[in-house]
Amino acid sequence: MTEVSQAAATVDMAALLVAMRPKLHRYCARMVGSVIDGEDVLQDALIKAVEAHAAAGEIGNPIKNPEGWLFRIAHNTALDFLRRRNRQEALRSAEEVEMIVDQLDAVTSRQIATASLRTFMRLPVAQRSSVILMDVLGCSLREVCEVMECSLPAAKAALHRGRTQLRAYAEEPEDAPQQSLSDADRARLGVYVAHFNARDFDAIRAMIADDVRLELVSKTRLNGKAEVSRYFGNYSKISDWHLVPGVLEGRPAILVFDPNDRDAGPKYFMLLGWAAGKIATIRDFRHASYVIEGAEYQV
């Protein structure tokens, strides 16, 4: 491969990763039951994809179906995550029963597409994966088999059982536990949010540790007070945000709303980590707003 064609392949893969990132996150988040963990799984998968793509280029072995290939990497990375969390379940059904895949009516399709992450986590892995791929992401049955690396009968069986179980779950009363902040988290998040909304970024800079680490998810990483201070300067130049303390997936979080449309729900969120009374880590999902889709949160 010439230098020109190698550069073109690199640009194409970079563009594909950007375009596929929200869709891959929807899959990862529903597989592991968390939008935050789903982003971590996605980042691991993208690193693996970049490394594998470079290796394939070196041996002259082009990737025939890049999108399916990316989903397979994401799928396997999600399974690795679940194994590490000791929540791995059987990947394939013990039975391989031939059956026709049901045609879903509009109501059932909507129920599946909007099911909570907590609901998806109640399904065994194979059922969960097949339903997410076909009914949430719109993959074909052939693509489901390719991603899950299973036979057509196994994919049909998992899909049928997963759909049946989700229909049953949809009829159950909603019993989502109420999330709440501890007094300590409420106090320190409240101070941070109050200073931020008042644009008193000097006060916030006094709250951060000298070795603070910041991740502007899918954009950049900054280390140390001097670098991170520039991040606050960028927020001082825009006005499309209003911060509110809250809880997201049981974790203390800062929910970011459009100040002109606060009834629309949060656009994205931030996570803070603390050490010795100072802010040690900041994760800002401004450039990865897809992450909050499907998240359970409470102001």
C-alpha atoms as a PDB file:
ATOM      1  CA  MET A   1       0.000   0.000   0.000  1.00  0.00           C
ATOM      2  CA  THR A   2       1.395   3.416  -0.932  1.00  0.00           C
ATOM      3  CA  GLU A   3       1.780   6.250   1.575  1.00  0.00           C
ATOM      4  CA  VAL A   4      -1.141   8.063  -0.086  1.00  0.00           C
ATOM      5  CA  SER A   5      -3.479   5.055   0.110  1.00  0.00           C
ATOM      6  CA  GLN A   6      -2.413   4.357   3.700  1.00  0.00           C
ATOM      7  CA  ALA A   7      -3.255   7.940   4.676  1.00  0.00           C
ATOM      8  CA  ALA A   8      -6.627   7.669   2.950  1.00  0.00           C
ATOM      9  CA  ALA A   9      -7.408   4.432   4.811  1.00  0.00           C
ATOM     10  CA  THR A  10      -6.496   6.111   8.099  1.00  0.00           C
ATOM     11  CA  VAL A  11      -8.746   9.094   7.374  1.00  0.00           C
ATOM     12  CA  ASP A  12     -11.603   6.794   6.363  1.00  0.00           C
ATOM     13  CA  MET A  13     -11.319   4.802   9.596  1.00  0.00           C
ATOM     14  CA  ALA A  14     -11.106   7.979  11.683  1.00  0.00           C
ATOM     15  CA  ALA A  15     -14.256   9.321  10.001  1.00  0.00           C
ATOM     16  CA  LEU A  16     -16.047   5.991  10.487  1.00  0.00           C
ATOM     17  CA  LEU A  17     -15.216   5.941  14.197  1.00  0.00           C
ATOM     18  CA  VAL A  18     -16.636   9.444  14.622  1.00  0.00           C
ATOM     19  CA  ALA A  19     -19.803   8.574  12.695  1.00  0.00           C
ATOM     20  CA  MET A  20     -20.352   5.246  14.452  1.00  0.00           C
ATOM     21  CA  ARG A  21     -19.562   6.398  18.003  1.00  0.00           C
ATOM     22  CA  PRO A  22     -23.159   7.251  19.104  1.00  0.00           C
ATOM     23  CA  LYS A  23     -24.546   4.022  17.620  1.00  0.00           C
ATOM     24  CA  LEU A  24     -21.803   1.907  19.187  1.00  0.00           C
ATOM     25  CA  HIS A  25     -22.432   3.597  22.531  1.00  0.00           C
ATOM     26  CA  ARG A  26     -26.131   2.745  22.394  1.00  0.00           C
ATOM     27  CA  TYR A  27     -25.132  -0.884  22.011  1.00  0.00           C
ATOM     28  CA  CYS A  28     -22.441  -0.880  24.719  1.00  0.00           C
ATOM     29  CA  ALA A  29     -24.600   1.009  27.247  1.00  0.00           C
ATOM     30  CA  ARG A  30     -27.479  -1.416  26.872  1.00  0.00           C
ATOM     31  CA  MET A  31     -25.176  -4.423  27.040  1.00  0.00           C
ATOM     32  CA  VAL A  32     -23.562  -3.358  30.324  1.00  0.00           C
ATOM     33  CA  GLY A  33     -26.543  -1.493  31.813  1.00  0.00           C
ATOM     34  CA  SER A  34     -24.927   1.917  32.240  1.00  0.00           C
ATOM     35  CA  VAL A  35     -24.337   4.910  29.980  1.00  0.00           C
ATOM     36  CA  ILE A  36     -21.175   5.756  31.930  1.00  0.00           C
ATOM     37  CA  ASP A  37     -19.721   2.244  31.867  1.00  0.00           C
ATOM     38  CA  GLY A  38     -20.899   1.988  28.266  1.00  0.00           C
ATOM     39  CA  GLU A  39     -18.673   4.936  27.319  1.00  0.00           C
ATOM     40  CA  ASP A  40     -15.712   3.280  29.066  1.00  0.00           C
ATOM     41  CA  VAL A  41     -16.360   0.056  27.153  1.00  0.00           C
ATOM     42  CA  LEU A  42     -16.689   2.045  23.932  1.00  0.00           C
ATOM     43  CA  GLN A  43     -13.359   3.783  24.473  1.00  0.00           C
ATOM     44  CA  ASP A  44     -11.659   0.415  25.034  1.00  0.00           C
ATOM     45  CA  ALA A  45     -13.313  -0.934  21.884  1.00  0.00           C
ATOM     46  CA  LEU A  46     -12.183   2.045  19.785  1.00  0.00           C
ATOM     47  CA  ILE A  47      -8.588   1.601  20.958  1.00  0.00           C
ATOM     48  CA  LYS A  48      -8.752  -2.067  19.954  1.00  0.00           C
ATOM     49  CA  ALA A  49     -10.272  -1.111  16.594  1.00  0.00           C
ATOM     50  CA  VAL A  50      -7.539   1.402  15.800  1.00  0.00           C
ATOM     51  CA  GLU A  51      -4.825  -1.100  16.713  1.00  0.00           C
ATOM     52  CA  ALA A  52      -6.476  -3.923  14.745  1.00  0.00           C
ATOM     53  CA  HIS A  53      -7.020  -1.699  11.711  1.00  0.00           C
ATOM     54  CA  ALA A  54      -3.362  -0.691  11.690  1.00  0.00           C
ATOM     55  CA  ALA A  55      -2.312  -4.345  11.925  1.00  0.00           C
ATOM     56  CA  ALA A  56      -4.660  -5.311   9.086  1.00  0.00           C
ATOM     57  CA  GLY A  57      -3.147  -2.586   6.910  1.00  0.00           C
ATOM     58  CA  GLU A  58       0.378  -3.799   7.587  1.00  0.00           C
ATOM     59  CA  ILE A  59      -0.395  -7.311   6.355  1.00  0.00           C
ATOM     60  CA  GLY A  60      -2.511  -6.123   3.427  1.00  0.00           C
ATOM     61  CA  ASN A  61      -5.743  -7.636   4.749  1.00  0.00           C
ATOM     62  CA  PRO A  62      -8.518  -5.055   4.174  1.00  0.00           C
ATOM     63  CA  ILE A  63     -11.619  -5.098   6.367  1.00  0.00           C
ATOM     64  CA  LYS A  64     -14.603  -6.035   4.208  1.00  0.00           C
ATOM     65  CA  ASN A  65     -17.437  -4.860   6.446  1.00  0.00           C
ATOM     66  CA  PRO A  66     -16.078  -2.090   8.712  1.00  0.00           C
ATOM     67  CA  GLU A  67     -19.362  -1.400  10.524  1.00  0.00           C
ATOM     68  CA  GLY A  68     -20.006  -5.053  11.341  1.00  0.00           C
ATOM     69  CA  TRP A  69     -16.356  -5.409  12.324  1.00  0.00           C
ATOM     70  CA  LEU A  70     -16.684  -2.474  14.760  1.00  0.00           C
ATOM     71  CA  PHE A  71     -19.843  -3.927  16.302  1.00  0.00           C
ATOM     72  CA  ARG A  72     -18.087  -7.270  16.780  1.00  0.00           C
ATOM     73  CA  ILE A  73     -15.211  -5.539  18.592  1.00  0.00           C
ATOM     74  CA  ALA A  74     -17.701  -3.594  20.748  1.00  0.00           C
ATOM     75  CA  HIS A  75     -19.631  -6.788  21.451  1.00  0.00           C
ATOM     76  CA  ASN A  76     -16.542  -8.693  22.563  1.00  0.00           C
ATOM     77  CA  THR A  77     -15.296  -5.738  24.632  1.00  0.00           C
ATOM     78  CA  ALA A  78     -18.671  -5.535  26.396  1.00  0.00           C
ATOM     79  CA  LEU A  79     -18.517  -9.255  27.166  1.00  0.00           C
ATOM     80  CA  ASP A  80     -15.018  -8.825  28.585  1.00  0.00           C
ATOM     81  CA  PHE A  81     -16.362  -6.050  30.809  1.00  0.00           C
ATOM     82  CA  LEU A  82     -19.213  -8.254  32.020  1.00  0.00           C
ATOM     83  CA  ARG A  83     -16.807 -11.092  32.799  1.00  0.00           C
ATOM     84  CA  ARG A  84     -14.658  -8.756  34.848  1.00  0.00           C
ATOM     85  CA  ARG A  85     -17.769  -7.695  36.730  1.00  0.00           C
ATOM     86  CA  ASN A  86     -18.652 -11.353  37.371  1.00  0.00           C
ATOM     87  CA  ARG A  87     -21.979 -10.993  35.627  1.00  0.00           C
ATOM     88  CA  GLN A  88     -21.276 -13.086  32.559  1.00  0.00           C
ATOM     89  CA  GLU A  89     -24.135 -15.295  31.451  1.00  0.00           C
ATOM     90  CA  ALA A  90     -24.413 -17.944  28.792  1.00  0.00           C
ATOM     91  CA  LEU A  91     -23.738 -16.414  25.363  1.00  0.00           C
ATOM     92  CA  ARG A  92     -25.505 -19.014  23.302  1.00  0.00           C
ATOM     93  CA  SER A  93     -28.731 -20.811  23.858  1.00  0.00           C
ATOM     94  CA  ALA A  94     -28.431 -24.516  24.596  1.00  0.00           C
ATOM     95  CA  GLU A  95     -31.081 -25.155  21.977  1.00  0.00           C
ATOM     96  CA  GLU A  96     -30.985 -24.109  18.336  1.00  0.00           C
ATOM     97  CA  VAL A  97     -34.586 -24.024  17.250  1.00  0.00           C
ATOM     98  CA  GLU A  98     -35.505 -22.976  13.708  1.00  0.00           C
ATOM     99  CA  MET A  99     -38.260 -20.389  13.756  1.00  0.00           C
ATOM    100  CA  ILE A 100     -39.408 -17.387  11.754  1.00  0.00           C
ATOM    101  CA  VAL A 101     -38.428 -14.054  13.273  1.00  0.00           C
ATOM    102  CA  ASP A 102     -41.566 -12.213  14.380  1.00  0.00           C
ATOM    103  CA  GLN A 103     -42.655  -9.054  12.617  1.00  0.00           C
ATOM    104  CA  LEU A 104     -43.131  -6.535  15.405  1.00  0.00           C
ATOM    105  CA  ASP A 105     -46.075  -4.172  15.609  1.00  0.00           C
ATOM    106  CA  ALA A 106     -45.433  -0.462  16.176  1.00  0.00           C
ATOM    107  CA  VAL A 107     -46.309  -0.568  19.884  1.00  0.00           C
ATOM    108  CA  THR A 108     -43.927  -3.445  20.644  1.00  0.00           C
ATOM    109  CA  SER A 109     -41.157  -1.854  18.598  1.00  0.00           C
ATOM    110  CA  ARG A 110     -41.530   1.359  20.568  1.00  0.00           C
ATOM    111  CA  GLN A 111     -41.554  -0.520  23.895  1.00  0.00           C
ATOM    112  CA  ILE A 112     -38.309  -2.291  23.016  1.00  0.00           C
ATOM    113  CA  ALA A 113     -36.550   0.776  21.648  1.00  0.00           C
ATOM    114  CA  THR A 114     -37.367   2.808  24.775  1.00  0.00           C
ATOM    115  CA  ALA A 115     -36.795   0.101  27.376  1.00  0.00           C
ATOM    116  CA  SER A 116     -34.560   1.245  30.205  1.00  0.00           C
ATOM    117  CA  LEU A 117     -30.989   0.044  30.550  1.00  0.00           C
ATOM    118  CA  ARG A 118     -32.012  -1.632  33.801  1.00  0.00           C
ATOM    119  CA  THR A 119     -34.644  -3.609  31.897  1.00  0.00           C
ATOM    120  CA  PHE A 120     -32.175  -4.758  29.240  1.00  0.00           C
ATOM    121  CA  MET A 121     -29.844  -5.994  31.985  1.00  0.00           C
ATOM    122  CA  ARG A 122     -32.540  -8.458  33.083  1.00  0.00           C
ATOM    123  CA  LEU A 123     -32.113 -10.373  29.826  1.00  0.00           C
ATOM    124  CA  PRO A 124     -29.435 -13.047  29.336  1.00  0.00           C
ATOM    125  CA  VAL A 125     -26.512 -11.806  27.250  1.00  0.00           C
ATOM    126  CA  ALA A 126     -27.472 -13.504  23.984  1.00  0.00           C
ATOM    127  CA  GLN A 127     -31.073 -12.281  24.168  1.00  0.00           C
ATOM    128  CA  ARG A 128     -29.960  -8.799  25.161  1.00  0.00           C
ATOM    129  CA  SER A 129     -27.430  -8.530  22.339  1.00  0.00           C
ATOM    130  CA  SER A 130     -29.753  -9.815  19.610  1.00  0.00           C
ATOM    131  CA  VAL A 131     -32.636  -7.518  20.613  1.00  0.00           C
ATOM    132  CA  ILE A 132     -30.386  -4.442  20.869  1.00  0.00           C
ATOM    133  CA  LEU A 133     -28.777  -5.131  17.498  1.00  0.00           C
ATOM    134  CA  MET A 134     -32.006  -5.793  15.592  1.00  0.00           C
ATOM    135  CA  ASP A 135     -34.708  -3.781  17.378  1.00  0.00           C
ATOM    136  CA  VAL A 136     -32.737  -0.812  18.734  1.00  0.00           C
ATOM    137  CA  LEU A 137     -29.993  -0.408  16.126  1.00  0.00           C
ATOM    138  CA  GLY A 138     -31.771  -1.826  13.072  1.00  0.00           C
ATOM    139  CA  CYS A 139     -29.260  -4.525  12.119  1.00  0.00           C
ATOM    140  CA  SER A 140     -30.278  -7.416   9.886  1.00  0.00           C
ATOM    141  CA  LEU A 141     -30.456 -10.978  11.144  1.00  0.00           C
ATOM    142  CA  ARG A 142     -27.331 -11.780   9.121  1.00  0.00           C
ATOM    143  CA  GLU A 143     -25.500  -8.936  10.853  1.00  0.00           C
ATOM    144  CA  VAL A 144     -26.704 -10.190  14.250  1.00  0.00           C
ATOM    145  CA  CYS A 145     -25.173 -13.603  13.486  1.00  0.00           C
ATOM    146  CA  GLU A 146     -21.932 -11.975  12.370  1.00  0.00           C
ATOM    147  CA  VAL A 147     -21.568  -9.783  15.460  1.00  0.00           C
ATOM    148  CA  MET A 148     -22.506 -12.532  17.918  1.00  0.00           C
ATOM    149  CA  GLU A 149     -20.603 -15.170  15.920  1.00  0.00           C
ATOM    150  CA  CYS A 150     -23.474 -17.619  16.208  1.00  0.00           C
ATOM    151  CA  SER A 151     -25.679 -19.646  13.889  1.00  0.00           C
ATOM    152  CA  LEU A 152     -28.913 -18.379  12.352  1.00  0.00           C
ATOM    153  CA  PRO A 153     -31.127 -20.669  14.489  1.00  0.00           C
ATOM    154  CA  ALA A 154     -29.355 -19.536  17.666  1.00  0.00           C
ATOM    155  CA  ALA A 155     -29.812 -15.864  16.741  1.00  0.00           C
ATOM    156  CA  LYS A 156     -33.508 -16.408  15.958  1.00  0.00           C
ATOM    157  CA  ALA A 157     -34.063 -18.247  19.222  1.00  0.00           C
ATOM    158  CA  ALA A 158     -32.316 -15.557  21.289  1.00  0.00           C
ATOM    159  CA  LEU A 159     -34.226 -12.780  19.507  1.00  0.00           C
ATOM    160  CA  HIS A 160     -37.595 -14.488  19.974  1.00  0.00           C
ATOM    161  CA  ARG A 161     -37.023 -15.171  23.658  1.00  0.00           C
ATOM    162  CA  GLY A 162     -35.634 -11.685  24.296  1.00  0.00           C
ATOM    163  CA  ARG A 163     -38.618 -10.006  22.655  1.00  0.00           C
ATOM    164  CA  THR A 164     -41.046 -12.202  24.574  1.00  0.00           C
ATOM    165  CA  GLN A 165     -39.369 -11.381  27.876  1.00  0.00           C
ATOM    166  CA  LEU A 166     -39.285  -7.627  27.162  1.00  0.00           C
ATOM    167  CA  ARG A 167     -43.008  -7.681  26.410  1.00  0.00           C
ATOM    168  CA  ALA A 168     -43.561  -9.281  29.827  1.00  0.00           C
ATOM    169  CA  TYR A 169     -41.343  -6.725  31.552  1.00  0.00           C
ATOM    170  CA  ALA A 170     -43.222  -3.873  29.842  1.00  0.00           C
ATOM    171  CA  GLU A 171     -46.432  -4.992  31.556  1.00  0.00           C
ATOM    172  CA  GLU A 172     -44.878  -4.883  35.027  1.00  0.00           C
ATOM    173  CA  PRO A 173     -45.418  -1.778  37.200  1.00  0.00           C
ATOM    174  CA  GLU A 174     -42.530   0.681  37.194  1.00  0.00           C
ATOM    175  CA  ASP A 175     -40.583   0.299  40.425  1.00  0.00           C
ATOM    176  CA  ALA A 176     -37.477   2.379  39.772  1.00  0.00           C
ATOM    177  CA  PRO A 177     -35.805   3.206  43.077  1.00  0.00           C
ATOM    178  CA  GLN A 178     -35.614   6.894  43.938  1.00  0.00           C
ATOM    179  CA  GLN A 179     -32.086   8.210  43.709  1.00  0.00           C
ATOM    180  CA  SER A 180     -30.751  10.749  46.170  1.00  0.00           C
ATOM    181  CA  LEU A 181     -27.549  12.555  47.076  1.00  0.00           C
ATOM    182  CA  SER A 182     -25.787  12.174  50.385  1.00  0.00           C
ATOM    183  CA  ASP A 183     -25.507  15.359  52.436  1.00  0.00           C
ATOM    184  CA  ALA A 184     -21.768  15.559  51.687  1.00  0.00           C
ATOM    185  CA  ASP A 185     -22.235  15.149  47.925  1.00  0.00           C
ATOM    186  CA  ARG A 186     -25.122  17.611  47.903  1.00  0.00           C
ATOM    187  CA  ALA A 187     -23.008  20.215  49.704  1.00  0.00           C
ATOM    188  CA  ARG A 188     -19.890  20.007  47.539  1.00  0.00           C
ATOM    189  CA  LEU A 189     -21.760  19.649  44.259  1.00  0.00           C
ATOM    190  CA  GLY A 190     -23.950  22.575  45.292  1.00  0.00           C
ATOM    191  CA  VAL A 191     -20.932  24.818  45.866  1.00  0.00           C
ATOM    192  CA  TYR A 192     -19.363  23.863  42.523  1.00  0.00           C
ATOM    193  CA  VAL A 193     -22.635  24.378  40.632  1.00  0.00           C
ATOM    194  CA  ALA A 194     -23.345  27.714  42.326  1.00  0.00           C
ATOM    195  CA  HIS A 195     -19.901  29.080  41.402  1.00  0.00           C
ATOM    196  CA  PHE A 196     -20.186  27.702  37.856  1.00  0.00           C
ATOM    197  CA  ASN A 197     -23.624  29.207  37.222  1.00  0.00           C
ATOM    198  CA  ALA A 198     -22.385  32.532  38.642  1.00  0.00           C
ATOM    199  CA  ARG A 199     -19.393  32.310  36.268  1.00  0.00           C
ATOM    200  CA  ASP A 200     -17.091  32.648  39.245  1.00  0.00           C
ATOM    201  CA  PHE A 201     -14.429  30.418  37.722  1.00  0.00           C
ATOM    202  CA  ASP A 202     -11.688  31.812  39.961  1.00  0.00           C
ATOM    203  CA  ALA A 203     -13.566  30.318  42.918  1.00  0.00           C
ATOM    204  CA  ILE A 204     -13.765  26.996  41.094  1.00  0.00           C
ATOM    205  CA  ARG A 205     -10.051  27.066  40.304  1.00  0.00           C
ATOM    206  CA  ALA A 206      -9.448  27.348  44.042  1.00  0.00           C
ATOM    207  CA  MET A 207     -11.432  24.101  44.491  1.00  0.00           C
ATOM    208  CA  ILE A 208      -9.349  21.954  42.135  1.00  0.00           C
ATOM    209  CA  ALA A 209      -6.222  20.019  43.058  1.00  0.00           C
ATOM    210  CA  ASP A 210      -2.852  20.970  41.564  1.00  0.00           C
ATOM    211  CA  ASP A 211      -2.683  17.604  39.771  1.00  0.00           C
ATOM    212  CA  VAL A 212      -6.331  17.609  38.663  1.00  0.00           C
ATOM    213  CA  ARG A 213      -7.137  15.484  35.601  1.00  0.00           C
ATOM    214  CA  LEU A 214      -9.890  16.422  33.155  1.00  0.00           C
ATOM    215  CA  GLU A 215     -11.443  14.363  30.373  1.00  0.00           C
ATOM    216  CA  LEU A 216     -13.535  16.199  27.815  1.00  0.00           C
ATOM    217  CA  VAL A 217     -15.011  12.945  26.591  1.00  0.00           C
ATOM    218  CA  SER A 218     -14.381  12.154  22.888  1.00  0.00           C
ATOM    219  CA  LYS A 219     -12.442  15.426  22.595  1.00  0.00           C
ATOM    220  CA  THR A 220      -9.323  15.822  24.758  1.00  0.00           C
ATOM    221  CA  ARG A 221      -7.633  15.224  28.107  1.00  0.00           C
ATOM    222  CA  LEU A 222      -5.990  17.884  30.282  1.00  0.00           C
ATOM    223  CA  ASN A 223      -3.703  17.471  33.279  1.00  0.00           C
ATOM    224  CA  GLY A 224      -2.775  19.918  36.036  1.00  0.00           C
ATOM    225  CA  LYS A 225      -4.346  23.125  37.277  1.00  0.00           C
ATOM    226  CA  ALA A 226      -2.801  25.312  34.566  1.00  0.00           C
ATOM    227  CA  GLU A 227      -4.200  23.249  31.674  1.00  0.00           C
ATOM    228  CA  VAL A 228      -7.582  22.646  33.281  1.00  0.00           C
ATOM    229  CA  SER A 229      -7.968  26.373  34.001  1.00  0.00           C
ATOM    230  CA  ARG A 230      -8.204  26.954  30.235  1.00  0.00           C
ATOM    231  CA  TYR A 231     -11.210  24.625  30.178  1.00  0.00           C
ATOM    232  CA  PHE A 232     -13.129  26.940  32.512  1.00  0.00           C
ATOM    233  CA  GLY A 233     -12.116  29.878  30.328  1.00  0.00           C
ATOM    234  CA  ASN A 234     -13.827  28.210  27.382  1.00  0.00           C
ATOM    235  CA  TYR A 235     -17.066  27.885  29.356  1.00  0.00           C
ATOM    236  CA  SER A 236     -16.912  31.577  30.226  1.00  0.00           C
ATOM    237  CA  LYS A 237     -17.209  32.409  26.511  1.00  0.00           C
ATOM    238  CA  ILE A 238     -20.486  30.528  25.911  1.00  0.00           C
ATOM    239  CA  SER A 239     -23.937  30.688  27.459  1.00  0.00           C
ATOM    240  CA  ASP A 240     -25.750  27.526  26.334  1.00  0.00           C
ATOM    241  CA  TRP A 241     -25.569  25.822  29.716  1.00  0.00           C
ATOM    242  CA  HIS A 242     -27.146  25.819  33.161  1.00  0.00           C
ATOM    243  CA  LEU A 243     -25.880  23.362  35.774  1.00  0.00           C
ATOM    244  CA  VAL A 244     -28.002  21.476  38.319  1.00  0.00           C
ATOM    245  CA  PRO A 245     -26.803  18.952  40.953  1.00  0.00           C
ATOM    246  CA  GLY A 246     -28.320  15.521  40.532  1.00  0.00           C
ATOM    247  CA  VAL A 247     -27.917  11.765  40.509  1.00  0.00           C
ATOM    248  CA  LEU A 248     -27.296   9.718  37.375  1.00  0.00           C
ATOM    249  CA  GLU A 249     -27.288   5.924  37.576  1.00  0.00           C
ATOM    250  CA  GLY A 250     -26.874   6.202  41.326  1.00  0.00           C
ATOM    251  CA  ARG A 251     -23.785   8.419  41.074  1.00  0.00           C
ATOM    252  CA  PRO A 252     -23.504  12.078  42.095  1.00  0.00           C
ATOM    253  CA  ALA A 253     -23.543  14.080  38.864  1.00  0.00           C
ATOM    254  CA  ILE A 254     -23.994  17.560  37.460  1.00  0.00           C
ATOM    255  CA  LEU A 255     -26.796  17.738  34.904  1.00  0.00           C
ATOM    256  CA  VAL A 256     -26.426  20.378  32.196  1.00  0.00           C
ATOM    257  CA  PHE A 257     -29.584  21.983  30.779  1.00  0.00           C
ATOM    258  CA  ASP A 258     -30.289  24.432  28.004  1.00  0.00           C
ATOM    259  CA  PRO A 259     -31.049  27.661  29.940  1.00  0.00           C
ATOM    260  CA  ASN A 260     -33.732  28.516  27.388  1.00  0.00           C
ATOM    261  CA  ASP A 261     -35.475  25.138  27.552  1.00  0.00           C
ATOM    262  CA  ARG A 262     -35.034  23.510  30.943  1.00  0.00           C
ATOM    263  CA  ASP A 263     -38.135  21.345  30.466  1.00  0.00           C
ATOM    264  CA  ALA A 264     -36.395  19.440  27.664  1.00  0.00           C
ATOM    265  CA  GLY A 265     -34.243  17.434  30.068  1.00  0.00           C
ATOM    266  CA  PRO A 266     -30.470  17.575  30.472  1.00  0.00           C
ATOM    267  CA  LYS A 267     -28.328  17.821  27.345  1.00  0.00           C
ATOM    268  CA  TYR A 268     -25.322  16.159  28.936  1.00  0.00           C
ATOM    269  CA  PHE A 269     -23.655  15.761  32.320  1.00  0.00           C
ATOM    270  CA  MET A 270     -20.407  16.086  34.265  1.00  0.00           C
ATOM    271  CA  LEU A 271     -18.834  13.837  36.891  1.00  0.00           C
ATOM    272  CA  LEU A 272     -16.468  15.027  39.610  1.00  0.00           C
ATOM    273  CA  GLY A 273     -14.001  13.013  41.681  1.00  0.00           C
ATOM    274  CA  TRP A 274     -12.655  14.265  45.004  1.00  0.00           C
ATOM    275  CA  ALA A 275      -9.485  13.660  46.997  1.00  0.00           C
ATOM    276  CA  ALA A 276      -8.389  15.376  50.215  1.00  0.00           C
ATOM    277  CA  GLY A 277     -11.199  17.916  49.914  1.00  0.00           C
ATOM    278  CA  LYS A 278     -10.180  18.999  46.403  1.00  0.00           C
ATOM    279  CA  ILE A 279     -11.560  18.173  42.959  1.00  0.00           C
ATOM    280  CA  ALA A 280      -9.178  15.549  41.571  1.00  0.00           C
ATOM    281  CA  THR A 281     -10.992  14.482  38.380  1.00  0.00           C
ATOM    282  CA  ILE A 282     -13.548  16.002  36.028  1.00  0.00           C
ATOM    283  CA  ARG A 283     -15.352  14.129  33.257  1.00  0.00           C
ATOM    284  CA  ASP A 284     -17.344  16.443  30.985  1.00  0.00           C
ATOM    285  CA  PHE A 285     -19.610  14.813  28.392  1.00  0.00           C
ATOM    286  CA  ARG A 286     -20.362  18.027  26.442  1.00  0.00           C
ATOM    287  CA  HIS A 287     -18.887  16.576  23.233  1.00  0.00           C
ATOM    288  CA  ALA A 288     -20.440  13.161  23.843  1.00  0.00           C
ATOM    289  CA  SER A 289     -24.055  14.135  24.425  1.00  0.00           C
ATOM    290  CA  TYR A 290     -25.170  10.750  23.055  1.00  0.00           C
ATOM    291  CA  VAL A 291     -24.064   9.193  26.363  1.00  0.00           C
ATOM    292  CA  ILE A 292     -27.038  10.507  28.342  1.00  0.00           C
ATOM    293  CA  GLU A 293     -29.574   8.790  26.083  1.00  0.00           C
ATOM    294  CA  GLY A 294     -31.425   6.193  28.122  1.00  0.00           C
ATOM    295  CA  ALA A 295     -29.760   7.170  31.400  1.00  0.00           C
ATOM    296  CA  GLU A 296     -31.805   7.149  34.612  1.00  0.00           C
ATOM    297  CA  TYR A 297     -31.292  10.475  36.363  1.00  0.00           C
ATOM    298  CA  GLN A 298     -32.907  12.657  38.983  1.00  0.00           C
ATOM    299  CA  VAL A 299     -32.472  16.345  39.729  1.00  0.00           C
END
